Amino acid sequence: MNESEPQPAARLTAAETGNLLKLATYASVATALVLILAKLVAWLMTGSVSVLASLVDSAMDAGASLINLFAVRWSLMPPDAEHRFGHGKAEALAALGQATFIAGSALFLGLQALDRLIHPQPVVEIGVGLFVIGFAMAATLGLLAIQHYVIRRTSSTAIRADALHYGTDLATNGATLLALTLASAGWSGFDPLLGLAIGVYILYSAAQIGREAIQLLMDHELPEPQRRHITELARAVPMVRGVHDLRTRQSGQSLIIQLHLELDDQLPLLAAHRIADETEARIREHYPNSDILIHQDPVDMYEQRRGRDQQSSE
């Protein structure tokens, strides 16, 4: 396999995956609650719009992280009679909920910044604000380290969305730190301007998260390199003459893969079944968390049907 192809995913049991996802969600909620308390004290003492921006962002983080916590627990539930493909889309729903929270925080922040531009107020107790924002950045970096570890092991959409908006927190806190530093030098007018800039950036992040969640809910195909890799794996199985009608999507931790194998017309059913099983095993070796459905087609019959379809389309 060349370097451009996707590498095999590390195998995790369902219990290991669940524990990692729960670790990330619990750490997210705990971090958000601690930062809300710290930033609330800092805002009450400084009156800074930039600190308020960071506080509002953390409040939205807490709400989004709670949604994530419940959605991830739901997504880990096994398939049942009413949800035969499992509950994986709960992760995408959580990401969409996060995008809504984040967009709301950006709009609220924009209104506060505009009000402060119209009615300027001095920033006080700047040292407290600087300390709290520095603490917030350190805590966020620790959480992101946990989240990115979990993402590497599980590829969770919900955790990726959570990590994206905590990544914007670093930018938010960095801009807040700059605003407070400028205010300490007597340039407090930059405080609402940076608060407004933070709001625009948060809104942009919300759009990114929402777009990815909608793509997953709409059963968007896997990226083309992965689709090509799956096709190559199937074609490499001995006696497979061709592959067509590959359909893929992601649902939480599971990949849904459906494809048709082209086999010799006179191949016994038992042999065709064995080839399909071998194809499924090869694909699952590289994509362990996958639900695979394979249909076998006689190659000559498929070629005849494809020829008729081409003629009818001309």
Protein backbone atom coordinates (compact mmCIF):
# COMPACT_ATOMS: atom_id res chain seq x y z
CA MET A 1 0.00 0.00 0.00
CA ASN A 2 1.46 3.37 -0.96
CA GLU A 3 1.77 6.33 1.40
CA SER A 4 -1.24 8.15 -0.07
CA GLU A 5 -3.63 5.37 0.88
CA PRO A 6 -5.42 5.36 4.24
CA GLN A 7 -3.59 3.35 6.86
CA PRO A 8 -5.34 0.59 8.83
CA ALA A 9 -7.18 1.87 11.88
CA ALA A 10 -6.15 0.59 15.28
CA ARG A 11 -8.56 -2.01 16.56
CA LEU A 12 -10.58 -1.02 19.61
CA THR A 13 -13.22 -3.02 21.39
CA ALA A 14 -16.64 -1.45 21.84
CA ALA A 15 -15.89 -1.04 25.55
CA GLU A 16 -12.57 0.70 24.86
CA THR A 17 -14.21 3.06 22.37
CA GLY A 18 -16.99 3.83 24.82
CA ASN A 19 -14.56 4.55 27.64
CA LEU A 20 -12.52 6.93 25.47
CA LEU A 21 -15.61 8.83 24.32
CA LYS A 22 -16.90 9.12 27.87
CA LEU A 23 -13.49 10.36 29.06
CA ALA A 24 -13.53 13.12 26.44
CA THR A 25 -17.10 14.22 27.22
CA TYR A 26 -16.62 14.22 31.01
CA ALA A 27 -13.37 16.18 30.67
CA SER A 28 -15.12 18.68 28.37
CA VAL A 29 -18.01 19.32 30.77
CA ALA A 30 -15.72 19.61 33.80
CA THR A 31 -13.37 22.05 32.02
CA ALA A 32 -16.25 24.23 30.81
CA LEU A 33 -17.77 24.49 34.30
CA VAL A 34 -14.45 25.43 35.92
CA LEU A 35 -13.79 28.08 33.27
CA ILE A 36 -17.30 29.56 33.63
CA LEU A 37 -16.72 30.17 37.34
CA ALA A 38 -13.25 31.66 36.80
CA LYS A 39 -14.31 33.92 33.93
CA LEU A 40 -17.47 35.07 35.73
CA VAL A 41 -15.32 36.34 38.61
CA ALA A 42 -12.92 37.97 36.15
CA TRP A 43 -15.72 39.73 34.23
CA LEU A 44 -17.41 41.01 37.38
CA MET A 45 -14.08 42.45 38.54
CA THR A 46 -12.86 43.89 35.21
CA GLY A 47 -16.01 44.79 33.25
CA SER A 48 -14.11 43.82 30.06
CA VAL A 49 -16.18 42.97 26.96
CA SER A 50 -13.40 40.64 25.83
CA VAL A 51 -13.61 38.76 29.13
CA LEU A 52 -17.40 38.68 28.73
CA ALA A 53 -16.85 37.26 25.25
CA SER A 54 -14.73 34.51 26.70
CA LEU A 55 -17.29 33.90 29.48
CA VAL A 56 -20.17 33.62 27.01
CA ASP A 57 -18.10 31.25 24.88
CA SER A 58 -17.43 29.03 27.90
CA ALA A 59 -21.12 29.05 28.83
CA MET A 60 -21.97 27.88 25.33
CA ASP A 61 -19.20 25.31 25.62
CA ALA A 62 -20.82 23.90 28.75
CA GLY A 63 -24.20 23.60 27.04
CA ALA A 64 -22.67 22.03 23.95
CA SER A 65 -20.55 19.66 26.03
CA LEU A 66 -23.63 18.48 27.97
CA ILE A 67 -25.38 17.79 24.67
CA ASN A 68 -22.28 15.88 23.59
CA LEU A 69 -22.21 13.85 26.79
CA PHE A 70 -25.78 12.58 26.39
CA ALA A 71 -25.51 12.17 22.60
CA VAL A 72 -22.31 10.11 22.83
CA ARG A 73 -23.85 7.84 25.46
CA TRP A 74 -26.87 7.40 23.17
CA SER A 75 -24.72 6.77 20.08
CA LEU A 76 -22.90 3.94 21.90
CA MET A 77 -26.13 2.01 22.42
CA PRO A 78 -26.17 -1.19 20.31
CA PRO A 79 -28.62 -1.63 17.41
CA ASP A 80 -32.14 -2.62 18.35
CA ALA A 81 -35.35 -3.59 16.56
CA GLU A 82 -36.23 0.03 15.78
CA HIS A 83 -32.67 1.22 14.97
CA ARG A 84 -31.11 -1.59 12.97
CA PHE A 85 -28.10 0.51 11.97
CA GLY A 86 -27.47 1.62 15.57
CA HIS A 87 -27.68 5.10 17.07
CA GLY A 88 -24.53 6.61 15.58
CA LYS A 89 -26.25 9.63 14.04
CA ALA A 90 -26.78 10.97 17.54
CA GLU A 91 -23.17 12.21 17.25
CA ALA A 92 -24.01 14.28 14.17
CA LEU A 93 -27.12 15.64 15.88
CA ALA A 94 -24.92 16.66 18.83
CA ALA A 95 -22.53 18.44 16.48
CA LEU A 96 -25.45 20.29 14.88
CA GLY A 97 -26.65 21.30 18.35
CA GLN A 98 -23.17 22.56 19.15
CA ALA A 99 -23.16 24.67 16.00
CA THR A 100 -26.44 26.26 17.09
CA PHE A 101 -25.08 27.03 20.56
CA ILE A 102 -21.90 28.51 19.13
CA ALA A 103 -23.73 30.66 16.58
CA GLY A 104 -26.00 31.99 19.34
CA SER A 105 -23.02 32.92 21.49
CA ALA A 106 -21.42 34.75 18.55
CA LEU A 107 -24.54 36.85 17.92
CA PHE A 108 -24.92 37.71 21.62
CA LEU A 109 -21.28 38.68 21.80
CA GLY A 110 -21.58 40.90 18.73
CA LEU A 111 -24.46 42.82 20.30
CA GLN A 112 -22.49 43.33 23.53
CA ALA A 113 -19.42 44.55 21.64
CA LEU A 114 -21.47 47.01 19.57
CA ASP A 115 -23.10 48.36 22.72
CA ARG A 116 -19.69 48.88 24.34
CA LEU A 117 -18.44 50.67 21.20
CA ILE A 118 -21.40 53.07 21.47
CA HIS A 119 -21.12 53.41 25.28
CA PRO A 120 -17.41 53.03 26.20
CA GLN A 121 -16.45 51.98 29.72
CA PRO A 122 -12.99 51.65 31.28
CA VAL A 123 -11.51 48.22 31.96
CA VAL A 124 -10.45 47.72 35.60
CA GLU A 125 -8.63 45.04 37.62
CA ILE A 126 -6.74 44.02 34.50
CA GLY A 127 -4.30 41.80 36.43
CA VAL A 128 -7.15 39.52 37.54
CA GLY A 129 -8.36 39.22 33.97
CA LEU A 130 -4.89 38.36 32.68
CA PHE A 131 -4.46 35.66 35.32
CA VAL A 132 -7.85 34.07 34.66
CA ILE A 133 -7.43 34.08 30.88
CA GLY A 134 -3.96 32.55 31.21
CA PHE A 135 -5.45 29.82 33.42
CA ALA A 136 -8.24 29.28 30.88
CA MET A 137 -5.77 28.81 28.04
CA ALA A 138 -3.77 26.24 30.04
CA ALA A 139 -6.93 24.29 30.94
CA THR A 140 -8.14 24.37 27.32
CA LEU A 141 -4.79 23.08 26.05
CA GLY A 142 -5.04 20.17 28.49
CA LEU A 143 -8.56 19.34 27.34
CA LEU A 144 -7.58 19.56 23.65
CA ALA A 145 -4.74 17.09 24.27
CA ILE A 146 -7.29 14.59 25.65
CA GLN A 147 -9.78 15.25 22.84
CA HIS A 148 -7.26 14.87 20.02
CA TYR A 149 -6.05 11.60 21.52
CA VAL A 150 -9.65 10.31 21.54
CA ILE A 151 -10.24 11.57 17.98
CA ARG A 152 -7.14 9.72 16.73
CA ARG A 153 -8.41 6.49 18.29
CA THR A 154 -12.13 6.77 17.49
CA SER A 155 -12.63 9.37 14.68
CA SER A 156 -15.68 10.60 16.61
CA THR A 157 -17.59 13.37 14.81
CA ALA A 158 -19.05 14.74 18.03
CA ILE A 159 -15.68 14.90 19.78
CA ARG A 160 -14.14 16.47 16.66
CA ALA A 161 -16.81 19.18 16.72
CA ASP A 162 -16.21 19.69 20.44
CA ALA A 163 -12.47 19.98 19.85
CA LEU A 164 -13.03 22.46 17.02
CA HIS A 165 -14.94 24.89 19.18
CA TYR A 166 -12.48 24.47 22.07
CA GLY A 167 -9.80 25.26 19.51
CA THR A 168 -11.62 28.52 18.80
CA ASP A 169 -11.52 29.11 22.56
CA LEU A 170 -7.76 29.35 22.35
CA ALA A 171 -8.12 32.07 19.72
CA THR A 172 -10.82 33.74 21.81
CA ASN A 173 -8.68 33.69 24.95
CA GLY A 174 -5.63 34.83 23.00
CA ALA A 175 -7.53 37.82 21.65
CA THR A 176 -8.87 38.52 25.16
CA LEU A 177 -5.33 38.43 26.51
CA LEU A 178 -4.29 40.93 23.83
CA ALA A 179 -7.26 43.19 24.60
CA LEU A 180 -6.45 43.24 28.32
CA THR A 181 -2.78 43.90 27.61
CA LEU A 182 -3.70 46.84 25.36
CA ALA A 183 -6.13 48.10 28.01
CA SER A 184 -3.36 48.04 30.60
CA ALA A 185 -1.38 50.31 28.25
CA GLY A 186 -4.31 52.76 28.09
CA TRP A 187 -5.86 51.53 24.81
CA SER A 188 -9.16 50.22 26.19
CA GLY A 189 -10.94 51.08 22.93
CA PHE A 190 -9.52 47.90 21.40
CA ASP A 191 -11.46 45.78 23.91
CA PRO A 192 -14.88 45.89 22.14
CA LEU A 193 -13.24 45.73 18.70
CA LEU A 194 -11.45 42.51 19.58
CA GLY A 195 -14.64 41.21 21.20
CA LEU A 196 -16.45 41.81 17.89
CA ALA A 197 -13.66 40.08 15.95
CA ILE A 198 -13.90 37.09 18.28
CA GLY A 199 -17.65 36.91 17.63
CA VAL A 200 -17.10 36.78 13.86
CA TYR A 201 -14.53 34.01 14.27
CA ILE A 202 -16.86 32.00 16.52
CA LEU A 203 -19.66 32.34 13.95
CA TYR A 204 -17.33 31.05 11.23
CA SER A 205 -16.46 28.03 13.42
CA ALA A 206 -20.16 27.33 13.97
CA ALA A 207 -20.71 27.26 10.21
CA GLN A 208 -17.90 24.72 9.81
CA ILE A 209 -19.28 22.43 12.51
CA GLY A 210 -22.84 22.71 11.19
CA ARG A 211 -21.79 21.90 7.63
CA GLU A 212 -19.97 18.72 8.67
CA ALA A 213 -22.92 17.60 10.83
CA ILE A 214 -25.40 18.16 8.01
CA GLN A 215 -23.21 16.21 5.59
CA LEU A 216 -23.24 13.24 7.98
CA LEU A 217 -26.99 13.45 8.56
CA MET A 218 -27.52 13.54 4.78
CA ASP A 219 -25.46 10.34 4.38
CA HIS A 220 -22.63 12.02 2.51
CA GLU A 221 -20.20 9.61 0.84
CA LEU A 222 -16.82 8.93 2.43
CA PRO A 223 -13.89 10.91 0.97
CA GLU A 224 -12.77 9.71 -2.47
CA PRO A 225 -9.38 8.34 -1.26
CA GLN A 226 -11.21 6.03 1.17
CA ARG A 227 -13.71 4.94 -1.51
CA ARG A 228 -10.85 4.20 -3.90
CA HIS A 229 -9.03 2.25 -1.19
CA ILE A 230 -12.11 0.12 -0.45
CA THR A 231 -12.52 -0.63 -4.17
CA GLU A 232 -8.83 -1.62 -4.46
CA LEU A 233 -9.12 -3.93 -1.46
CA ALA A 234 -12.10 -5.70 -3.04
CA ARG A 235 -10.47 -5.96 -6.48
CA ALA A 236 -7.35 -7.52 -4.94
CA VAL A 237 -9.30 -10.61 -3.79
CA PRO A 238 -8.58 -13.61 -6.08
CA MET A 239 -11.35 -14.36 -8.65
CA VAL A 240 -13.00 -10.94 -8.25
CA ARG A 241 -13.48 -9.67 -11.83
CA GLY A 242 -14.67 -6.19 -10.92
CA VAL A 243 -16.44 -3.96 -8.38
CA HIS A 244 -19.32 -1.56 -8.96
CA ASP A 245 -22.11 0.34 -7.18
CA LEU A 246 -19.99 1.16 -4.11
CA ARG A 247 -22.04 3.13 -1.59
CA THR A 248 -20.65 4.42 1.69
CA ARG A 249 -21.60 6.61 4.62
CA GLN A 250 -20.61 7.17 8.23
CA SER A 251 -22.89 6.73 11.22
CA GLY A 252 -21.19 7.63 14.49
CA GLN A 253 -18.36 5.14 15.02
CA SER A 254 -19.52 2.87 12.18
CA LEU A 255 -18.89 2.98 8.45
CA ILE A 256 -21.70 1.62 6.27
CA ILE A 257 -20.22 0.02 3.13
CA GLN A 258 -22.23 -1.59 0.33
CA LEU A 259 -20.82 -2.89 -2.96
CA HIS A 260 -21.35 -5.35 -5.81
CA LEU A 261 -18.72 -7.94 -6.79
CA GLU A 262 -18.46 -9.15 -10.39
CA LEU A 263 -17.75 -12.89 -10.45
CA ASP A 264 -17.57 -15.62 -13.10
CA ASP A 265 -21.02 -16.66 -14.33
CA GLN A 266 -20.59 -20.38 -13.63
CA LEU A 267 -19.06 -20.01 -10.18
CA PRO A 268 -20.80 -22.27 -7.61
CA LEU A 269 -22.81 -20.46 -4.95
CA LEU A 270 -20.56 -21.81 -2.18
CA ALA A 271 -17.45 -20.44 -3.91
CA ALA A 272 -19.12 -17.06 -4.55
CA HIS A 273 -20.07 -16.87 -0.88
CA ARG A 274 -16.49 -17.68 0.17
CA ILE A 275 -15.12 -14.89 -2.07
CA ALA A 276 -17.61 -12.40 -0.64
CA ASP A 277 -16.59 -13.41 2.90
CA GLU A 278 -12.91 -12.95 2.05
CA THR A 279 -13.64 -9.53 0.54
CA GLU A 280 -15.55 -8.50 3.65
CA ALA A 281 -12.71 -9.68 5.90
CA ARG A 282 -10.10 -7.70 3.91
CA ILE A 283 -12.14 -4.51 4.08
CA ARG A 284 -12.87 -4.95 7.78
CA GLU A 285 -9.16 -5.46 8.48
CA HIS A 286 -8.60 -1.86 7.36
CA TYR A 287 -11.95 -0.45 8.52
CA PRO A 288 -12.78 -2.47 11.65
CA ASN A 289 -15.84 -0.47 12.74
CA SER A 290 -17.83 -1.11 9.59
CA ASP A 291 -21.15 -2.63 8.54
CA ILE A 292 -20.47 -4.30 5.18
CA LEU A 293 -23.04 -5.62 2.69
CA ILE A 294 -21.78 -7.38 -0.47
CA HIS A 295 -23.88 -8.48 -3.45
CA GLN A 296 -22.50 -10.91 -6.05
CA ASP A 297 -23.21 -10.32 -9.76
CA PRO A 298 -22.43 -12.68 -12.69
CA VAL A 299 -19.91 -10.67 -14.69
CA ASP A 300 -21.39 -11.36 -18.15
CA MET A 301 -24.90 -10.47 -16.99
CA TYR A 302 -23.60 -7.23 -15.50
CA GLU A 303 -21.72 -6.37 -18.73
CA GLN A 304 -24.89 -6.95 -20.77
CA ARG A 305 -26.95 -4.75 -18.44
CA ARG A 306 -24.32 -2.01 -18.52
CA GLY A 307 -24.33 -2.13 -22.33
CA ARG A 308 -28.13 -1.75 -22.42
CA ASP A 309 -27.96 1.16 -19.99
CA GLN A 310 -25.35 2.91 -22.15
CA GLN A 311 -27.46 2.44 -25.27
CA SER A 312 -30.58 3.81 -23.60
CA SER A 313 -28.67 6.87 -22.37
CA GLU A 314 -27.36 7.75 -25.87
